[in-house]
Amino acid sequence: MRVTAVLLVAGAAAVALALAVMPGTADGPSGAAIYAATCASCHGDRGQGTVMGKPLDGDKVYGNTQAEVAAVIRDGIPETTMTGFKDRLKDDEIESVAAFVVSLAAAHE
């Protein structure tokens, strides 16, 4: 049991590290790296969801297009734990994360 737990933690750490070091642009980190640092704690490292946040790897209740997802990231969702990130992320970072989130759904189709 302990070995399984250690392997799960090690695997999660490896995925988080891989996402965090994915190349960005000259302007900043990639959407995957921002997602790993900002979103994965609630939505899971692959968008699978956690007790803190809904899954992002399939149809999303609040939007499926990059523009819709960016609006949710920017403004949040009232009366939920999803707060807006417009005060913490630049517009281009929000767009990069939105593109990454949309890619999670496409990868699971």
N, C-alpha and C. Protein backbone atom coordinates (compact mmCIF):
# COMPACT_ATOMS: atom_id res chain seq x y z
N MET A 1 0.82 -1.18 0.00
CA MET A 1 0.00 0.00 0.00
C MET A 1 0.87 1.26 0.00
N ARG A 2 1.90 1.27 0.84
CA ARG A 2 2.78 2.42 0.94
C ARG A 2 3.54 2.62 -0.37
N VAL A 3 3.97 1.54 -1.01
CA VAL A 3 4.69 1.62 -2.28
C VAL A 3 3.79 2.22 -3.35
N THR A 4 2.53 1.81 -3.38
CA THR A 4 1.59 2.36 -4.36
C THR A 4 1.42 3.85 -4.16
N ALA A 5 1.29 4.29 -2.92
CA ALA A 5 1.14 5.71 -2.62
C ALA A 5 2.38 6.49 -3.06
N VAL A 6 3.55 5.95 -2.80
CA VAL A 6 4.79 6.60 -3.20
C VAL A 6 4.87 6.70 -4.72
N LEU A 7 4.50 5.64 -5.41
CA LEU A 7 4.52 5.66 -6.88
C LEU A 7 3.53 6.67 -7.44
N LEU A 8 2.34 6.76 -6.84
CA LEU A 8 1.35 7.75 -7.30
C LEU A 8 1.86 9.17 -7.10
N VAL A 9 2.44 9.45 -5.96
CA VAL A 9 2.98 10.78 -5.69
C VAL A 9 4.13 11.08 -6.64
N ALA A 10 5.01 10.12 -6.86
CA ALA A 10 6.14 10.33 -7.77
C ALA A 10 5.65 10.57 -9.19
N GLY A 11 4.64 9.83 -9.61
CA GLY A 11 4.08 10.02 -10.95
C GLY A 11 3.46 11.38 -11.11
N ALA A 12 2.69 11.82 -10.12
CA ALA A 12 2.07 13.14 -10.16
C ALA A 12 3.13 14.24 -10.20
N ALA A 13 4.18 14.07 -9.41
CA ALA A 13 5.27 15.05 -9.41
C ALA A 13 5.97 15.11 -10.76
N ALA A 14 6.16 13.97 -11.39
CA ALA A 14 6.80 13.94 -12.71
C ALA A 14 5.95 14.65 -13.76
N VAL A 15 4.64 14.43 -13.72
CA VAL A 15 3.76 15.11 -14.67
C VAL A 15 3.78 16.61 -14.43
N ALA A 16 3.69 17.02 -13.18
CA ALA A 16 3.72 18.46 -12.87
C ALA A 16 5.02 19.09 -13.31
N LEU A 17 6.13 18.39 -13.10
CA LEU A 17 7.43 18.92 -13.54
C LEU A 17 7.49 19.02 -15.06
N ALA A 18 7.01 18.01 -15.74
CA ALA A 18 7.03 18.04 -17.21
C ALA A 18 6.20 19.20 -17.73
N LEU A 19 5.04 19.42 -17.15
CA LEU A 19 4.21 20.54 -17.60
C LEU A 19 4.87 21.88 -17.28
N ALA A 20 5.49 21.97 -16.12
CA ALA A 20 6.09 23.23 -15.70
C ALA A 20 7.27 23.63 -16.57
N VAL A 21 7.96 22.69 -17.16
CA VAL A 21 9.13 23.03 -17.95
C VAL A 21 8.84 23.03 -19.45
N MET A 22 7.56 22.88 -19.82
CA MET A 22 7.24 22.94 -21.24
C MET A 22 7.63 24.32 -21.76
N PRO A 23 8.14 24.38 -22.95
CA PRO A 23 8.61 25.66 -23.45
C PRO A 23 7.48 26.64 -23.65
N GLY A 24 7.77 27.89 -23.38
CA GLY A 24 6.83 28.96 -23.65
C GLY A 24 7.31 29.75 -24.84
N THR A 25 6.99 31.01 -24.84
CA THR A 25 7.45 31.90 -25.89
C THR A 25 8.42 32.89 -25.28
N ALA A 26 8.94 33.75 -26.11
CA ALA A 26 9.83 34.79 -25.61
C ALA A 26 9.08 35.71 -24.65
N ASP A 27 7.73 35.73 -24.78
CA ASP A 27 6.91 36.60 -23.95
C ASP A 27 6.55 35.99 -22.61
N GLY A 28 6.75 34.70 -22.43
CA GLY A 28 6.39 34.10 -21.16
C GLY A 28 6.18 32.60 -21.26
N PRO A 29 5.72 32.01 -20.16
CA PRO A 29 5.54 30.55 -20.10
C PRO A 29 4.36 30.08 -20.94
N SER A 30 4.36 28.79 -21.23
CA SER A 30 3.28 28.20 -22.02
C SER A 30 2.01 28.09 -21.19
N GLY A 31 0.89 27.89 -21.89
CA GLY A 31 -0.38 27.67 -21.21
C GLY A 31 -0.32 26.47 -20.28
N ALA A 32 0.39 25.42 -20.70
CA ALA A 32 0.51 24.22 -19.87
C ALA A 32 1.26 24.54 -18.58
N ALA A 33 2.31 25.34 -18.67
CA ALA A 33 3.09 25.68 -17.48
C ALA A 33 2.27 26.56 -16.53
N ILE A 34 1.53 27.51 -17.09
CA ILE A 34 0.68 28.36 -16.26
C ILE A 34 -0.42 27.53 -15.62
N TYR A 35 -1.02 26.62 -16.40
CA TYR A 35 -2.05 25.73 -15.86
C TYR A 35 -1.48 24.92 -14.70
N ALA A 36 -0.30 24.35 -14.86
CA ALA A 36 0.32 23.53 -13.82
C ALA A 36 0.52 24.34 -12.53
N ALA A 37 0.91 25.59 -12.68
CA ALA A 37 1.19 26.42 -11.51
C ALA A 37 -0.07 27.03 -10.90
N THR A 38 -1.10 27.24 -11.70
CA THR A 38 -2.25 28.02 -11.25
C THR A 38 -3.54 27.23 -11.11
N CYS A 39 -3.74 26.23 -11.96
CA CYS A 39 -5.05 25.57 -12.05
C CYS A 39 -5.06 24.12 -11.58
N ALA A 40 -3.93 23.44 -11.71
CA ALA A 40 -3.89 22.00 -11.46
C ALA A 40 -4.25 21.63 -10.03
N SER A 41 -4.00 22.51 -9.08
CA SER A 41 -4.32 22.17 -7.69
C SER A 41 -5.81 21.95 -7.49
N CYS A 42 -6.64 22.61 -8.27
CA CYS A 42 -8.10 22.40 -8.19
C CYS A 42 -8.63 21.47 -9.28
N HIS A 43 -8.11 21.59 -10.50
CA HIS A 43 -8.67 20.86 -11.63
C HIS A 43 -7.90 19.60 -12.01
N GLY A 44 -6.81 19.31 -11.31
CA GLY A 44 -6.03 18.11 -11.60
C GLY A 44 -4.98 18.36 -12.66
N ASP A 45 -3.91 17.59 -12.64
CA ASP A 45 -2.79 17.81 -13.55
C ASP A 45 -3.14 17.56 -15.01
N ARG A 46 -4.19 16.77 -15.27
CA ARG A 46 -4.64 16.51 -16.64
C ARG A 46 -6.06 16.99 -16.87
N GLY A 47 -6.55 17.84 -15.97
CA GLY A 47 -7.91 18.35 -16.10
C GLY A 47 -8.97 17.36 -15.65
N GLN A 48 -8.56 16.33 -14.91
CA GLN A 48 -9.49 15.28 -14.50
C GLN A 48 -10.39 15.70 -13.35
N GLY A 49 -10.11 16.84 -12.74
CA GLY A 49 -10.91 17.32 -11.62
C GLY A 49 -10.41 16.78 -10.29
N THR A 50 -10.78 17.46 -9.22
CA THR A 50 -10.47 17.05 -7.86
C THR A 50 -11.67 17.42 -7.00
N VAL A 51 -11.58 17.21 -5.72
CA VAL A 51 -12.66 17.63 -4.84
C VAL A 51 -12.80 19.15 -4.83
N MET A 52 -11.78 19.86 -5.26
CA MET A 52 -11.80 21.32 -5.28
C MET A 52 -12.32 21.92 -6.58
N GLY A 53 -12.23 21.17 -7.69
CA GLY A 53 -12.63 21.73 -8.97
C GLY A 53 -13.15 20.69 -9.93
N LYS A 54 -13.99 21.12 -10.83
CA LYS A 54 -14.61 20.21 -11.81
C LYS A 54 -13.60 19.74 -12.84
N PRO A 55 -13.89 18.59 -13.47
CA PRO A 55 -13.04 18.11 -14.57
C PRO A 55 -13.10 19.07 -15.76
N LEU A 56 -12.01 19.15 -16.47
CA LEU A 56 -11.92 20.02 -17.65
C LEU A 56 -11.63 19.23 -18.91
N ASP A 57 -11.63 17.91 -18.81
CA ASP A 57 -11.19 17.09 -19.93
C ASP A 57 -12.33 16.56 -20.80
N GLY A 58 -13.49 17.14 -20.68
CA GLY A 58 -14.62 16.77 -21.52
C GLY A 58 -15.48 17.99 -21.76
N ASP A 59 -16.73 17.80 -22.06
CA ASP A 59 -17.61 18.96 -22.25
C ASP A 59 -17.65 19.78 -20.97
N LYS A 60 -17.43 21.04 -21.13
CA LYS A 60 -17.40 21.95 -19.99
C LYS A 60 -18.74 22.69 -19.91
N VAL A 61 -19.34 22.71 -18.75
CA VAL A 61 -20.66 23.32 -18.56
C VAL A 61 -20.63 24.80 -18.93
N TYR A 62 -19.54 25.48 -18.68
CA TYR A 62 -19.48 26.92 -18.87
C TYR A 62 -18.79 27.34 -20.15
N GLY A 63 -18.52 26.42 -21.06
CA GLY A 63 -17.95 26.79 -22.34
C GLY A 63 -17.01 25.75 -22.89
N ASN A 64 -17.01 25.64 -24.21
CA ASN A 64 -16.14 24.68 -24.89
C ASN A 64 -15.16 25.34 -25.85
N THR A 65 -15.44 26.56 -26.27
CA THR A 65 -14.53 27.24 -27.19
C THR A 65 -13.44 27.95 -26.40
N GLN A 66 -12.37 28.28 -27.08
CA GLN A 66 -11.29 28.98 -26.41
C GLN A 66 -11.77 30.32 -25.84
N ALA A 67 -12.61 31.03 -26.59
CA ALA A 67 -13.11 32.32 -26.12
C ALA A 67 -13.98 32.15 -24.87
N GLU A 68 -14.83 31.13 -24.84
CA GLU A 68 -15.69 30.89 -23.68
C GLU A 68 -14.86 30.50 -22.46
N VAL A 69 -13.89 29.63 -22.66
CA VAL A 69 -13.03 29.19 -21.56
C VAL A 69 -12.20 30.37 -21.04
N ALA A 70 -11.69 31.21 -21.95
CA ALA A 70 -10.92 32.38 -21.54
C ALA A 70 -11.77 33.32 -20.69
N ALA A 71 -13.04 33.49 -21.06
CA ALA A 71 -13.93 34.35 -20.28
C ALA A 71 -14.12 33.81 -18.87
N VAL A 72 -14.26 32.48 -18.74
CA VAL A 72 -14.40 31.87 -17.40
C VAL A 72 -13.13 32.07 -16.60
N ILE A 73 -11.98 31.86 -17.21
CA ILE A 73 -10.71 32.04 -16.51
C ILE A 73 -10.57 33.50 -16.09
N ARG A 74 -10.90 34.40 -16.98
CA ARG A 74 -10.76 35.84 -16.71
C ARG A 74 -11.72 36.30 -15.61
N ASP A 75 -13.01 35.94 -15.74
CA ASP A 75 -14.04 36.51 -14.88
C ASP A 75 -14.52 35.61 -13.75
N GLY A 76 -14.22 34.31 -13.83
CA GLY A 76 -14.70 33.37 -12.83
C GLY A 76 -16.16 33.01 -13.06
N ILE A 77 -16.72 32.26 -12.14
CA ILE A 77 -18.12 31.84 -12.22
C ILE A 77 -18.76 32.23 -10.89
N PRO A 78 -19.74 33.14 -10.93
CA PRO A 78 -20.39 33.57 -9.69
C PRO A 78 -20.97 32.39 -8.90
N GLU A 79 -20.92 32.52 -7.59
CA GLU A 79 -21.48 31.55 -6.66
C GLU A 79 -20.84 30.16 -6.75
N THR A 80 -19.58 30.13 -7.22
CA THR A 80 -18.81 28.89 -7.23
C THR A 80 -17.43 29.19 -6.66
N THR A 81 -16.61 28.17 -6.56
CA THR A 81 -15.24 28.37 -6.08
C THR A 81 -14.31 28.84 -7.20
N MET A 82 -14.83 28.92 -8.44
CA MET A 82 -14.01 29.37 -9.57
C MET A 82 -13.95 30.89 -9.57
N THR A 83 -12.82 31.39 -9.07
CA THR A 83 -12.62 32.84 -9.05
C THR A 83 -11.99 33.28 -10.36
N GLY A 84 -12.13 34.53 -10.70
CA GLY A 84 -11.50 35.08 -11.90
C GLY A 84 -10.02 35.33 -11.68
N PHE A 85 -9.28 35.27 -12.78
CA PHE A 85 -7.83 35.46 -12.71
C PHE A 85 -7.37 36.72 -13.43
N LYS A 86 -8.30 37.63 -13.76
CA LYS A 86 -7.91 38.82 -14.51
C LYS A 86 -6.94 39.71 -13.74
N ASP A 87 -6.94 39.62 -12.42
CA ASP A 87 -6.02 40.41 -11.62
C ASP A 87 -4.69 39.70 -11.37
N ARG A 88 -4.61 38.42 -11.77
CA ARG A 88 -3.39 37.63 -11.50
C ARG A 88 -2.67 37.19 -12.76
N LEU A 89 -3.39 37.14 -13.88
CA LEU A 89 -2.78 36.72 -15.15
C LEU A 89 -2.99 37.79 -16.20
N LYS A 90 -2.02 37.93 -17.08
CA LYS A 90 -2.15 38.85 -18.21
C LYS A 90 -3.10 38.24 -19.24
N ASP A 91 -3.65 39.08 -20.11
CA ASP A 91 -4.59 38.60 -21.13
C ASP A 91 -4.00 37.49 -21.98
N ASP A 92 -2.73 37.63 -22.40
CA ASP A 92 -2.13 36.59 -23.24
C ASP A 92 -1.91 35.30 -22.45
N GLU A 93 -1.68 35.40 -21.16
CA GLU A 93 -1.55 34.20 -20.34
C GLU A 93 -2.90 33.49 -20.20
N ILE A 94 -3.96 34.26 -20.03
CA ILE A 94 -5.31 33.69 -19.96
C ILE A 94 -5.63 32.97 -21.27
N GLU A 95 -5.31 33.58 -22.39
CA GLU A 95 -5.56 32.95 -23.69
C GLU A 95 -4.74 31.67 -23.85
N SER A 96 -3.51 31.67 -23.37
CA SER A 96 -2.66 30.47 -23.45
C SER A 96 -3.23 29.34 -22.60
N VAL A 97 -3.70 29.66 -21.39
CA VAL A 97 -4.30 28.64 -20.53
C VAL A 97 -5.59 28.13 -21.16
N ALA A 98 -6.39 29.03 -21.71
CA ALA A 98 -7.65 28.62 -22.35
C ALA A 98 -7.37 27.66 -23.50
N ALA A 99 -6.37 27.95 -24.31
CA ALA A 99 -6.02 27.05 -25.42
C ALA A 99 -5.60 25.69 -24.87
N PHE A 100 -4.84 25.68 -23.78
CA PHE A 100 -4.42 24.42 -23.18
C PHE A 100 -5.62 23.63 -22.65
N VAL A 101 -6.56 24.31 -21.99
CA VAL A 101 -7.75 23.64 -21.45
C VAL A 101 -8.58 23.04 -22.58
N VAL A 102 -8.74 23.78 -23.67
CA VAL A 102 -9.48 23.25 -24.82
C VAL A 102 -8.77 22.02 -25.38
N SER A 103 -7.44 22.03 -25.38
CA SER A 103 -6.69 20.90 -25.88
C SER A 103 -6.87 19.66 -25.00
N LEU A 104 -7.11 19.85 -23.71
CA LEU A 104 -7.37 18.72 -22.82
C LEU A 104 -8.63 17.97 -23.25
N ALA A 105 -9.67 18.73 -23.58
CA ALA A 105 -10.93 18.11 -24.03
C ALA A 105 -10.71 17.39 -25.35
N ALA A 106 -9.98 18.01 -26.26
CA ALA A 106 -9.74 17.39 -27.58
C ALA A 106 -8.95 16.09 -27.44
N ALA A 107 -8.04 16.04 -26.46
CA ALA A 107 -7.23 14.85 -26.26
C ALA A 107 -8.05 13.67 -25.74
N HIS A 108 -9.21 13.95 -25.16
CA HIS A 108 -10.05 12.90 -24.58
C HIS A 108 -11.25 12.54 -25.45
N GLU A 109 -11.31 13.08 -26.65
CA GLU A 109 -12.44 12.76 -27.55
C GLU A 109 -12.21 11.47 -28.28
